[in-house]
Structures are given as C-alpha cells and as structure tokens.
Amino acid sequence: MLEVVGAKVAVGTSRPNIGLNIEVAKLQTFDRTVSKVLGFLTVCKLFIRMRMRKMVVKKQIQWGLLYI
C-alpha cells in the first residue's frame, strides 16, 4: 500500500507481488528550482523503490546524481 502524505511517501508493509514490468515515468533533470525540490526527491524515491530496490545504495545515489 502506497500512501502519499504531503511531500512524504509512506510504504505499507504489505506489498503486492509485482514484477519489473511496471512502467515508471522518466525522471526529469532537476533545474535548481527551489519549489520543485520535494517533488524531485519524491520521484527519485519512488523510482528507486520500484525499479532499483535490489541495487546497492552506491548505485542508487549515482543514478540520482545523473539528474542533478
């Protein structure tokens, strides 16, 4: 269960059995607009949780830095 609370994302303990075939929107390059920081971070977290959860943290961080 995925619940969005303000700018925070809470993931419940029960996860449906889903594969990697879910389409995820491509992350937009961060343009340094202060008002878009929380949205950018939320999209990063969602993408990592859905598509990169089995990768080591170092690879996840490197991926995120590509869009900054």
PDB file of N, CA and C in Angstrom:
ATOM      1  N   MET A   1       0.840  -1.175   0.000  1.00  0.00           N
ATOM      2  CA  MET A   1       0.000   0.000   0.000  1.00  0.00           C
ATOM      3  C   MET A   1       0.875   1.225   0.000  1.00  0.00           C
ATOM      4  N   LEU A   2       0.643   2.142  -0.921  1.00  0.00           N
ATOM      5  CA  LEU A   2       1.428   3.360  -1.043  1.00  0.00           C
ATOM      6  C   LEU A   2       0.554   4.525  -0.676  1.00  0.00           C
ATOM      7  N   GLU A   3       1.020   5.335   0.266  1.00  0.00           N
ATOM      8  CA  GLU A   3       0.234   6.466   0.717  1.00  0.00           C
ATOM      9  C   GLU A   3       1.092   7.713   0.645  1.00  0.00           C
ATOM     10  N   VAL A   4       0.602   8.736  -0.038  1.00  0.00           N
ATOM     11  CA  VAL A   4       1.329   9.991  -0.142  1.00  0.00           C
ATOM     12  C   VAL A   4       0.760  10.943   0.895  1.00  0.00           C
ATOM     13  N   VAL A   5       1.619  11.438   1.778  1.00  0.00           N
ATOM     14  CA  VAL A   5       1.215  12.356   2.829  1.00  0.00           C
ATOM     15  C   VAL A   5       2.030  13.618   2.656  1.00  0.00           C
ATOM     16  N   GLY A   6       1.413  14.689   2.137  1.00  0.00           N
ATOM     17  CA  GLY A   6       2.160  15.903   1.877  1.00  0.00           C
ATOM     18  C   GLY A   6       3.265  15.612   0.888  1.00  0.00           C
ATOM     19  N   ALA A   7       4.502  15.844   1.285  1.00  0.00           N
ATOM     20  CA  ALA A   7       5.647  15.555   0.427  1.00  0.00           C
ATOM     21  C   ALA A   7       6.316  14.249   0.821  1.00  0.00           C
ATOM     22  N   LYS A   8       5.778  13.581   1.837  1.00  0.00           N
ATOM     23  CA  LYS A   8       6.377  12.337   2.294  1.00  0.00           C
ATOM     24  C   LYS A   8       5.644  11.154   1.679  1.00  0.00           C
ATOM     25  N   VAL A   9       6.355  10.089   1.480  1.00  0.00           N
ATOM     26  CA  VAL A   9       5.770   8.876   0.929  1.00  0.00           C
ATOM     27  C   VAL A   9       5.932   7.773   1.968  1.00  0.00           C
ATOM     28  N   ALA A  10       4.822   7.162   2.356  1.00  0.00           N
ATOM     29  CA  ALA A  10       4.857   6.074   3.326  1.00  0.00           C
ATOM     30  C   ALA A  10       4.486   4.784   2.609  1.00  0.00           C
ATOM     31  N   VAL A  11       5.305   3.780   2.772  1.00  0.00           N
ATOM     32  CA  VAL A  11       5.054   2.497   2.137  1.00  0.00           C
ATOM     33  C   VAL A  11       4.645   1.510   3.213  1.00  0.00           C
ATOM     34  N   GLY A  12       3.476   0.900   3.031  1.00  0.00           N
ATOM     35  CA  GLY A  12       2.969  -0.075   3.993  1.00  0.00           C
ATOM     36  C   GLY A  12       3.784  -1.357   3.956  1.00  0.00           C
ATOM     37  N   THR A  13       3.534  -2.214   4.899  1.00  0.00           N
ATOM     38  CA  THR A  13       4.301  -3.453   4.985  1.00  0.00           C
ATOM     39  C   THR A  13       3.863  -4.482   3.952  1.00  0.00           C
ATOM     40  N   SER A  14       2.605  -4.436   3.524  1.00  0.00           N
ATOM     41  CA  SER A  14       2.156  -5.417   2.539  1.00  0.00           C
ATOM     42  C   SER A  14       2.402  -4.888   1.132  1.00  0.00           C
ATOM     43  N   ARG A  15       3.177  -5.639   0.384  1.00  0.00           N
ATOM     44  CA  ARG A  15       3.488  -5.260  -0.999  1.00  0.00           C
ATOM     45  C   ARG A  15       2.913  -6.319  -1.925  1.00  0.00           C
ATOM     46  N   PRO A  16       2.200  -5.877  -2.950  1.00  0.00           N
ATOM     47  CA  PRO A  16       1.697  -6.867  -3.900  1.00  0.00           C
ATOM     48  C   PRO A  16       2.853  -7.511  -4.652  1.00  0.00           C
ATOM     49  N   ASN A  17       2.640  -8.685  -5.148  1.00  0.00           N
ATOM     50  CA  ASN A  17       3.662  -9.406  -5.898  1.00  0.00           C
ATOM     51  C   ASN A  17       3.709  -8.846  -7.312  1.00  0.00           C
ATOM     52  N   ILE A  18       4.587  -7.874  -7.522  1.00  0.00           N
ATOM     53  CA  ILE A  18       4.686  -7.229  -8.829  1.00  0.00           C
ATOM     54  C   ILE A  18       6.074  -7.441  -9.404  1.00  0.00           C
ATOM     55  N   GLY A  19       6.141  -7.523 -10.700  1.00  0.00           N
ATOM     56  CA  GLY A  19       7.423  -7.701 -11.378  1.00  0.00           C
ATOM     57  C   GLY A  19       8.001  -6.373 -11.798  1.00  0.00           C
ATOM     58  N   LEU A  20       9.033  -6.418 -12.591  1.00  0.00           N
ATOM     59  CA  LEU A  20       9.683  -5.202 -13.056  1.00  0.00           C
ATOM     60  C   LEU A  20       9.062  -4.681 -14.347  1.00  0.00           C
ATOM     61  N   ASN A  21       7.883  -5.148 -14.710  1.00  0.00           N
ATOM     62  CA  ASN A  21       7.247  -4.721 -15.937  1.00  0.00           C
ATOM     63  C   ASN A  21       6.420  -3.457 -15.776  1.00  0.00           C
ATOM     64  N   ILE A  22       6.434  -2.855 -14.618  1.00  0.00           N
ATOM     65  CA  ILE A  22       5.673  -1.635 -14.375  1.00  0.00           C
ATOM     66  C   ILE A  22       6.397  -0.470 -15.039  1.00  0.00           C
ATOM     67  N   GLU A  23       5.645   0.323 -15.789  1.00  0.00           N
ATOM     68  CA  GLU A  23       6.224   1.493 -16.429  1.00  0.00           C
ATOM     69  C   GLU A  23       6.326   2.622 -15.400  1.00  0.00           C
ATOM     70  N   VAL A  24       7.476   3.246 -15.343  1.00  0.00           N
ATOM     71  CA  VAL A  24       7.712   4.356 -14.433  1.00  0.00           C
ATOM     72  C   VAL A  24       8.118   5.553 -15.278  1.00  0.00           C
ATOM     73  N   ALA A  25       7.534   6.703 -14.977  1.00  0.00           N
ATOM     74  CA  ALA A  25       7.864   7.904 -15.740  1.00  0.00           C
ATOM     75  C   ALA A  25       9.344   8.221 -15.590  1.00  0.00           C
ATOM     76  N   LYS A  26       9.957   8.673 -16.667  1.00  0.00           N
ATOM     77  CA  LYS A  26      11.371   9.026 -16.630  1.00  0.00           C
ATOM     78  C   LYS A  26      11.562  10.285 -15.794  1.00  0.00           C
ATOM     79  N   LEU A  27      12.584  10.271 -14.986  1.00  0.00           N
ATOM     80  CA  LEU A  27      12.889  11.396 -14.114  1.00  0.00           C
ATOM     81  C   LEU A  27      13.357  12.591 -14.941  1.00  0.00           C
ATOM     82  N   GLN A  28      12.805  13.755 -14.643  1.00  0.00           N
ATOM     83  CA  GLN A  28      13.223  14.989 -15.311  1.00  0.00           C
ATOM     84  C   GLN A  28      14.476  15.524 -14.641  1.00  0.00           C
ATOM     85  N   THR A  29      15.357  16.122 -15.407  1.00  0.00           N
ATOM     86  CA  THR A  29      16.571  16.728 -14.859  1.00  0.00           C
ATOM     87  C   THR A  29      16.182  17.868 -13.927  1.00  0.00           C
ATOM     88  N   PHE A  30      16.788  17.905 -12.746  1.00  0.00           N
ATOM     89  CA  PHE A  30      16.483  18.946 -11.764  1.00  0.00           C
ATOM     90  C   PHE A  30      17.042  20.271 -12.252  1.00  0.00           C
ATOM     91  N   ASP A  31      16.191  21.296 -12.284  1.00  0.00           N
ATOM     92  CA  ASP A  31      16.596  22.601 -12.823  1.00  0.00           C
ATOM     93  C   ASP A  31      16.932  23.629 -11.742  1.00  0.00           C
ATOM     94  N   ARG A  32      17.163  23.174 -10.527  1.00  0.00           N
ATOM     95  CA  ARG A  32      17.541  24.004  -9.387  1.00  0.00           C
ATOM     96  C   ARG A  32      16.438  24.952  -8.922  1.00  0.00           C
ATOM     97  N   THR A  33      15.196  24.687  -9.282  1.00  0.00           N
ATOM     98  CA  THR A  33      14.084  25.491  -8.799  1.00  0.00           C
ATOM     99  C   THR A  33      13.729  25.007  -7.394  1.00  0.00           C
ATOM    100  N   VAL A  34      13.797  25.939  -6.434  1.00  0.00           N
ATOM    101  CA  VAL A  34      13.601  25.581  -5.031  1.00  0.00           C
ATOM    102  C   VAL A  34      12.235  24.940  -4.803  1.00  0.00           C
ATOM    103  N   SER A  35      11.209  25.431  -5.460  1.00  0.00           N
ATOM    104  CA  SER A  35       9.858  24.915  -5.234  1.00  0.00           C
ATOM    105  C   SER A  35       9.669  23.497  -5.767  1.00  0.00           C
ATOM    106  N   LYS A  36      10.596  23.001  -6.569  1.00  0.00           N
ATOM    107  CA  LYS A  36      10.471  21.665  -7.151  1.00  0.00           C
ATOM    108  C   LYS A  36      11.333  20.613  -6.456  1.00  0.00           C
ATOM    109  N   VAL A  37      12.041  20.986  -5.403  1.00  0.00           N
ATOM    110  CA  VAL A  37      12.959  20.059  -4.732  1.00  0.00           C
ATOM    111  C   VAL A  37      12.226  18.851  -4.156  1.00  0.00           C
ATOM    112  N   LEU A  38      11.155  19.074  -3.397  1.00  0.00           N
ATOM    113  CA  LEU A  38      10.442  17.962  -2.763  1.00  0.00           C
ATOM    114  C   LEU A  38       9.829  17.026  -3.799  1.00  0.00           C
ATOM    115  N   GLY A  39       9.294  17.566  -4.875  1.00  0.00           N
ATOM    116  CA  GLY A  39       8.741  16.728  -5.933  1.00  0.00           C
ATOM    117  C   GLY A  39       9.813  15.883  -6.589  1.00  0.00           C
ATOM    118  N   PHE A  40      10.969  16.475  -6.842  1.00  0.00           N
ATOM    119  CA  PHE A  40      12.090  15.760  -7.448  1.00  0.00           C
ATOM    120  C   PHE A  40      12.542  14.608  -6.554  1.00  0.00           C
ATOM    121  N   LEU A  41      12.692  14.882  -5.262  1.00  0.00           N
ATOM    122  CA  LEU A  41      13.129  13.844  -4.324  1.00  0.00           C
ATOM    123  C   LEU A  41      12.090  12.733  -4.195  1.00  0.00           C
ATOM    124  N   THR A  42      10.812  13.092  -4.211  1.00  0.00           N
ATOM    125  CA  THR A  42       9.750  12.091  -4.131  1.00  0.00           C
ATOM    126  C   THR A  42       9.781  11.166  -5.330  1.00  0.00           C
ATOM    127  N   VAL A  43       9.955  11.731  -6.528  1.00  0.00           N
ATOM    128  CA  VAL A  43      10.026  10.917  -7.735  1.00  0.00           C
ATOM    129  C   VAL A  43      11.250  10.002  -7.687  1.00  0.00           C
ATOM    130  N   CYS A  44      12.377  10.509  -7.200  1.00  0.00           N
ATOM    131  CA  CYS A  44      13.583   9.677  -7.055  1.00  0.00           C
ATOM    132  C   CYS A  44      13.320   8.494  -6.132  1.00  0.00           C
ATOM    133  N   LYS A  45      12.716   8.763  -4.971  1.00  0.00           N
ATOM    134  CA  LYS A  45      12.437   7.703  -4.010  1.00  0.00           C
ATOM    135  C   LYS A  45      11.507   6.649  -4.598  1.00  0.00           C
ATOM    136  N   LEU A  46      10.462   7.093  -5.283  1.00  0.00           N
ATOM    137  CA  LEU A  46       9.519   6.146  -5.875  1.00  0.00           C
ATOM    138  C   LEU A  46      10.194   5.279  -6.927  1.00  0.00           C
ATOM    139  N   PHE A  47      11.011   5.900  -7.786  1.00  0.00           N
ATOM    140  CA  PHE A  47      11.687   5.147  -8.835  1.00  0.00           C
ATOM    141  C   PHE A  47      12.631   4.113  -8.232  1.00  0.00           C
ATOM    142  N   ILE A  48      13.391   4.536  -7.222  1.00  0.00           N
ATOM    143  CA  ILE A  48      14.340   3.623  -6.585  1.00  0.00           C
ATOM    144  C   ILE A  48      13.601   2.462  -5.923  1.00  0.00           C
ATOM    145  N   ARG A  49      12.498   2.757  -5.246  1.00  0.00           N
ATOM    146  CA  ARG A  49      11.741   1.695  -4.576  1.00  0.00           C
ATOM    147  C   ARG A  49      11.100   0.735  -5.567  1.00  0.00           C
ATOM    148  N   MET A  50      10.703   1.230  -6.726  1.00  0.00           N
ATOM    149  CA  MET A  50      10.021   0.371  -7.687  1.00  0.00           C
ATOM    150  C   MET A  50      10.970  -0.359  -8.622  1.00  0.00           C
ATOM    151  N   ARG A  51      12.045   0.294  -9.039  1.00  0.00           N
ATOM    152  CA  ARG A  51      12.887  -0.279 -10.082  1.00  0.00           C
ATOM    153  C   ARG A  51      14.308  -0.627  -9.655  1.00  0.00           C
ATOM    154  N   MET A  52      14.769  -0.087  -8.518  1.00  0.00           N
ATOM    155  CA  MET A  52      16.172  -0.265  -8.147  1.00  0.00           C
ATOM    156  C   MET A  52      16.343  -0.791  -6.726  1.00  0.00           C
ATOM    157  N   ARG A  53      15.316  -1.369  -6.148  1.00  0.00           N
ATOM    158  CA  ARG A  53      15.381  -1.737  -4.726  1.00  0.00           C
ATOM    159  C   ARG A  53      16.423  -2.799  -4.407  1.00  0.00           C
ATOM    160  N   LYS A  54      16.817  -3.596  -5.387  1.00  0.00           N
ATOM    161  CA  LYS A  54      17.814  -4.646  -5.117  1.00  0.00           C
ATOM    162  C   LYS A  54      19.240  -4.192  -5.411  1.00  0.00           C
ATOM    163  N   MET A  55      19.406  -2.980  -5.886  1.00  0.00           N
ATOM    164  CA  MET A  55      20.749  -2.462  -6.169  1.00  0.00           C
ATOM    165  C   MET A  55      21.358  -1.900  -4.888  1.00  0.00           C
ATOM    166  N   VAL A  56      22.668  -1.862  -4.839  1.00  0.00           N
ATOM    167  CA  VAL A  56      23.338  -1.297  -3.674  1.00  0.00           C
ATOM    168  C   VAL A  56      23.107   0.213  -3.642  1.00  0.00           C
ATOM    169  N   VAL A  57      23.176   0.786  -2.453  1.00  0.00           N
ATOM    170  CA  VAL A  57      22.882   2.199  -2.259  1.00  0.00           C
ATOM    171  C   VAL A  57      23.799   3.083  -3.107  1.00  0.00           C
ATOM    172  N   LYS A  58      25.061   2.701  -3.242  1.00  0.00           N
ATOM    173  CA  LYS A  58      26.007   3.492  -4.025  1.00  0.00           C
ATOM    174  C   LYS A  58      25.505   3.672  -5.462  1.00  0.00           C
ATOM    175  N   LYS A  59      24.985   2.615  -6.069  1.00  0.00           N
ATOM    176  CA  LYS A  59      24.459   2.685  -7.440  1.00  0.00           C
ATOM    177  C   LYS A  59      23.202   3.558  -7.491  1.00  0.00           C
ATOM    178  N   GLN A  60      22.361   3.487  -6.456  1.00  0.00           N
ATOM    179  CA  GLN A  60      21.160   4.313  -6.413  1.00  0.00           C
ATOM    180  C   GLN A  60      21.517   5.794  -6.346  1.00  0.00           C
ATOM    181  N   ILE A  61      22.512   6.123  -5.545  1.00  0.00           N
ATOM    182  CA  ILE A  61      22.947   7.515  -5.421  1.00  0.00           C
ATOM    183  C   ILE A  61      23.563   8.001  -6.731  1.00  0.00           C
ATOM    184  N   GLN A  62      24.374   7.177  -7.353  1.00  0.00           N
ATOM    185  CA  GLN A  62      24.972   7.556  -8.636  1.00  0.00           C
ATOM    186  C   GLN A  62      23.888   7.814  -9.671  1.00  0.00           C
ATOM    187  N   TRP A  63      22.859   6.993  -9.681  1.00  0.00           N
ATOM    188  CA  TRP A  63      21.746   7.193 -10.618  1.00  0.00           C
ATOM    189  C   TRP A  63      21.064   8.532 -10.370  1.00  0.00           C
ATOM    190  N   GLY A  64      20.781   8.843  -9.094  1.00  0.00           N
ATOM    191  CA  GLY A  64      20.125  10.117  -8.759  1.00  0.00           C
ATOM    192  C   GLY A  64      20.950  11.321  -9.142  1.00  0.00           C
ATOM    193  N   LEU A  65      22.261  11.223  -8.973  1.00  0.00           N
ATOM    194  CA  LEU A  65      23.146  12.343  -9.304  1.00  0.00           C
ATOM    195  C   LEU A  65      23.197  12.622 -10.799  1.00  0.00           C
ATOM    196  N   LEU A  66      22.854  11.654 -11.615  1.00  0.00           N
ATOM    197  CA  LEU A  66      22.824  11.874 -13.061  1.00  0.00           C
ATOM    198  C   LEU A  66      21.808  12.942 -13.453  1.00  0.00           C
ATOM    199  N   TYR A  67      20.797  13.145 -12.625  1.00  0.00           N
ATOM    200  CA  TYR A  67      19.705  14.085 -12.946  1.00  0.00           C
ATOM    201  C   TYR A  67      19.830  15.423 -12.242  1.00  0.00           C
ATOM    202  N   ILE A  68      20.949  15.650 -11.586  1.00  0.00           N
ATOM    203  CA  ILE A  68      21.147  16.938 -10.898  1.00  0.00           C
ATOM    204  C   ILE A  68      22.101  17.788 -11.715  1.00  0.00           C
TER     205      ILE A  68
END
